[in-house]
Structures are given as C-alpha cells and as structure tokens.
Protein backbone atom coordinates (compact mmCIF):
# COMPACT_ATOMS: atom_id res chain seq x y z
CA UNK A 1 -11.91 -6.32 -89.75
CA UNK A 2 -10.84 -5.32 -86.49
CA UNK A 3 -11.82 -7.04 -83.21
CA UNK A 4 -14.55 -5.53 -81.01
CA UNK A 5 -13.88 -4.42 -77.46
CA UNK A 6 -16.18 -7.24 -76.18
CA UNK A 7 -13.71 -9.69 -77.32
CA UNK A 8 -11.28 -8.97 -74.50
CA UNK A 9 -14.10 -8.61 -71.83
CA UNK A 10 -14.11 -12.25 -71.42
CA UNK A 11 -12.21 -14.88 -69.31
CA UNK A 12 -8.47 -15.04 -69.91
CA UNK A 13 -8.35 -18.74 -70.95
CA UNK A 14 -10.93 -18.20 -73.62
CA UNK A 15 -9.36 -15.05 -75.00
CA UNK A 16 -5.91 -16.72 -75.07
CA UNK A 17 -7.23 -19.56 -77.20
CA UNK A 18 -9.37 -17.40 -79.51
CA UNK A 19 -6.42 -14.89 -80.10
CA UNK A 20 -4.55 -17.82 -82.11
CA UNK A 21 -4.84 -17.06 -85.74
CA UNK A 22 -5.82 -13.43 -85.38
CA UNK A 23 -3.65 -10.95 -87.04
CA UNK A 24 -1.53 -8.52 -84.96
CA UNK A 25 -0.94 -5.39 -87.03
CA UNK A 26 1.86 -2.81 -86.44
CA UNK A 27 2.20 0.41 -88.40
CA UNK A 28 5.71 1.82 -88.32
CA UNK A 29 5.85 5.02 -90.32
CA UNK A 30 4.18 4.20 -93.59
CA UNK A 31 4.93 0.46 -93.21
CA UNK A 32 2.06 -1.84 -92.24
CA UNK A 33 3.36 -5.20 -90.75
CA UNK A 34 1.01 -8.12 -90.32
CA UNK A 35 1.70 -11.16 -88.29
CA UNK A 36 -0.53 -14.17 -87.23
CA UNK A 37 -0.75 -14.84 -83.52
CA UNK A 38 0.45 -18.51 -83.20
CA UNK A 39 1.23 -18.85 -79.40
CA UNK A 40 -0.29 -17.37 -76.29
CA UNK A 41 -0.30 -18.02 -72.44
CA UNK A 42 -3.11 -17.12 -69.99
CA UNK A 43 -2.17 -15.56 -66.65
CA UNK A 44 -4.76 -15.25 -63.95
CA UNK A 45 -5.25 -13.09 -60.97
CA UNK A 46 -3.46 -12.73 -57.53
CA UNK A 47 -3.58 -16.46 -56.69
CA UNK A 48 -1.63 -17.41 -60.03
CA UNK A 49 1.95 -18.01 -58.81
CA UNK A 50 3.28 -16.87 -62.34
CA UNK A 51 1.01 -13.79 -62.67
CA UNK A 52 2.18 -10.33 -62.42
CA UNK A 53 -0.78 -9.78 -60.29
CA UNK A 54 0.60 -12.12 -57.60
CA UNK A 55 2.51 -9.01 -56.12
CA UNK A 56 -0.64 -7.08 -55.68
CA UNK A 57 -1.34 -3.72 -57.51
CA UNK A 58 1.96 -1.86 -58.04
CA UNK A 59 2.96 0.91 -60.58
CA UNK A 60 4.53 -1.65 -62.85
CA UNK A 61 1.54 -4.10 -63.17
CA UNK A 62 -1.53 -1.68 -62.39
CA UNK A 63 -2.72 -2.17 -66.10
CA UNK A 64 -3.80 -5.73 -65.12
CA UNK A 65 -6.63 -4.20 -63.09
CA UNK A 66 -7.80 -2.20 -66.08
CA UNK A 67 -10.66 -3.28 -68.61
CA UNK A 68 -10.11 -5.79 -71.23
CA UNK A 69 -8.10 -4.56 -74.08
CA UNK A 70 -5.60 -2.68 -72.14
CA UNK A 71 -1.96 -3.28 -73.06
CA UNK A 72 0.43 -4.51 -70.43
CA UNK A 73 4.04 -4.54 -71.25
CA UNK A 74 6.41 -6.01 -68.66
CA UNK A 75 10.30 -6.24 -68.71
CA UNK A 76 11.71 -9.78 -68.10
CA UNK A 77 15.43 -9.31 -68.09
CA UNK A 78 16.33 -7.28 -71.22
CA UNK A 79 13.09 -8.19 -73.10
CA UNK A 80 9.61 -6.66 -73.15
CA UNK A 81 6.64 -8.83 -73.02
CA UNK A 82 3.36 -7.79 -74.79
CA UNK A 83 0.23 -8.73 -72.95
CA UNK A 84 -3.49 -7.94 -73.38
CA UNK A 85 -5.58 -7.50 -70.33
CA UNK A 86 -8.83 -9.50 -70.37
CA UNK A 87 -12.04 -9.58 -68.37
CA UNK A 88 -13.60 -6.92 -66.46
CA UNK A 89 -12.00 -3.92 -64.64
CA UNK A 90 -10.70 -4.79 -61.22
CA UNK A 91 -10.12 -8.39 -61.82
CA UNK A 92 -6.58 -8.85 -63.07
CA UNK A 93 -5.82 -11.28 -65.90
CA UNK A 94 -3.81 -10.95 -69.04
CA UNK A 95 -2.74 -12.95 -72.16
CA UNK A 96 0.87 -12.95 -73.09
CA UNK A 97 1.44 -13.00 -76.83
CA UNK A 98 4.24 -15.56 -77.07
CA UNK A 99 4.92 -15.99 -80.77
CA UNK A 100 3.87 -14.52 -84.10
CA UNK A 101 4.18 -15.76 -87.79
CA UNK A 102 5.24 -12.85 -90.04
CA UNK A 103 3.07 -12.61 -93.01
CA UNK A 104 4.30 -9.68 -95.05
CA UNK A 105 7.77 -9.19 -93.56
CA UNK A 106 10.83 -11.11 -92.34
CA UNK A 107 11.79 -11.07 -88.81
CA UNK A 108 12.24 -13.23 -85.64
CA UNK A 109 8.94 -13.36 -83.74
CA UNK A 110 9.16 -16.97 -82.19
CA UNK A 111 9.44 -15.63 -78.61
CA UNK A 112 7.76 -12.89 -76.66
CA UNK A 113 10.88 -10.73 -76.37
CA UNK A 114 11.87 -11.28 -80.02
CA UNK A 115 8.44 -10.20 -81.35
CA UNK A 116 8.30 -6.95 -79.45
CA UNK A 117 11.83 -6.14 -80.65
CA UNK A 118 11.10 -7.06 -84.21
CA UNK A 119 7.84 -4.88 -84.26
CA UNK A 120 9.32 -2.15 -82.22
CA UNK A 121 6.65 -2.41 -79.49
CA UNK A 122 7.99 -0.14 -76.74
CA UNK A 123 6.80 0.19 -73.15
CA UNK A 124 6.80 3.90 -73.23
CA UNK A 125 4.58 4.15 -76.27
CA UNK A 126 2.05 1.39 -75.54
CA UNK A 127 1.83 0.32 -71.95
CA UNK A 128 -1.43 1.06 -70.26
CA UNK A 129 -2.94 2.07 -73.55
CA UNK A 130 -6.31 0.85 -74.95
CA UNK A 131 -5.64 -1.30 -78.06
CA UNK A 132 -8.99 0.04 -79.56
CA UNK A 133 -7.70 3.62 -79.45
CA UNK A 134 -4.38 3.19 -81.21
CA UNK A 135 -3.71 3.98 -84.84
CA UNK A 136 -0.38 2.10 -85.07
CA UNK A 137 -1.08 -1.34 -83.28
CA UNK A 138 -4.36 -3.31 -83.62
CA UNK A 139 -5.70 -6.85 -84.05
CA UNK A 140 -7.69 -8.02 -86.97
CA UNK A 141 -9.93 -11.03 -87.51
CA UNK A 142 -8.53 -14.09 -89.34
CA UNK A 143 -10.64 -16.05 -91.87
CA UNK A 144 -9.78 -19.68 -91.43
CA UNK A 145 -9.58 -22.50 -88.80
CA UNK A 146 -6.71 -23.18 -86.55
CA UNK A 147 -6.09 -26.52 -84.63
CA UNK A 148 -5.09 -25.63 -81.11
CA UNK A 149 -2.85 -27.54 -78.88
CA UNK A 150 -1.98 -26.71 -75.27
CA UNK A 151 0.86 -27.36 -72.82
CA UNK A 152 2.50 -25.84 -69.65
CA UNK A 153 3.54 -22.23 -69.59
CA UNK A 154 7.22 -21.71 -70.59
CA UNK A 155 9.68 -20.68 -68.07
CA UNK A 156 7.29 -20.90 -65.21
CA UNK A 157 8.77 -22.56 -62.09
CA UNK A 158 5.84 -22.44 -59.81
CA UNK A 159 2.72 -22.96 -61.72
CA UNK A 160 -1.01 -23.73 -61.63
CA UNK A 161 -2.41 -27.19 -62.30
CA UNK A 162 -3.48 -27.19 -65.88
CA UNK A 163 -2.21 -26.21 -69.33
CA UNK A 164 -2.45 -22.58 -69.90
CA UNK A 165 -0.10 -22.21 -72.94
CA UNK A 166 -1.90 -22.34 -76.32
CA UNK A 167 -0.40 -22.70 -79.77
CA UNK A 168 -1.27 -23.65 -83.33
CA UNK A 169 -0.56 -27.23 -84.01
CA UNK A 170 2.38 -27.80 -86.41
CA UNK A 171 3.30 -23.92 -86.81
CA UNK A 172 6.95 -23.62 -87.21
CA UNK A 173 6.95 -20.07 -85.68
CA UNK A 174 5.79 -21.36 -82.20
CA UNK A 175 8.51 -20.79 -79.55
CA UNK A 176 10.60 -23.65 -78.18
C-alpha cells in the first residue's frame, strides 16, 4: 500500500522518523526494485545552518518551498541527494534519505549519493516532481516495527542543537 499525501504534510522531524522502515520502490524499465529506508535526516527552514533553505529561495532549492511530497534533489560534490519536502507549501523543510536496505536486488545504498546512483535517481527526471504523481518512484507502507536511534547529522559542520539523524537500530545498511 502506498503512502497517502497527508503523510508528508506534517513536521519534518516526525516524517523523518516515520519514513524509517517504509519501502522506496524504483521501477526501471520492467524491473521493480524495493529497498527499506533505514536512515534519514531532518532539515528545517531558513534558520537551520545546514539546510538548503538557509540561502533563501533560489532556482536550485525552490522545491523546498513546495508542498509536502515534492522531491528535492541536490548535488553535493559529484553525488545527488534524494530529499522529500515535508509540511505545508511556503515553509521549507525536507527529509534527506541517507541509506536504504536493498530487499530484492544487490547494490550499494549505504549513503545518500550511493543510493541515488544505484537506483538511477536523476535530478533531471525527478527534481521538483510530486512523488504521488510518478509511475517509476514511490513509497510503500511497511508492516512491522522498527527501533529508532538518533544522532547528529553527518557531515554537518555548523548544526542545530539536537539530534536530527534517525536510523534503524542495528541495521547493517546504515551509513557510517
């Protein structure tokens, strides 16, 4: 069962936690790849020193101001980072997908740049799109419980107080 749009129209920290265990599905040609989301990070609005919104609204980050469920893909060095916008339109916040556990394929998905490369998630194809209107990328519910741990966001030099990185306890696919 796919998620409902209301799932993303909530505060970023809540969505980041509740995405853990959900299944990211990527259809490439006739192949359907499934992977469990095992690690996320929450990024807040313009006051978050690590958020793309801190620069104000620009062409490369304007998707953050869209409604929840919009896809934001940002380049960091040579890597593409998959984010899902959360909350309501006009209030920038997004969840970075940091790591996935491949369920029906083999591939390196223990890092945000690795997972987009493995699943062929391209900026040109997905950036600014509504996840609920796509036929080749979606998120499904997961039946089961996950035990969540948290920590500081990875690679963030100037950060907010608090732990905004969330991951499934003991999962070997969590990035290091």
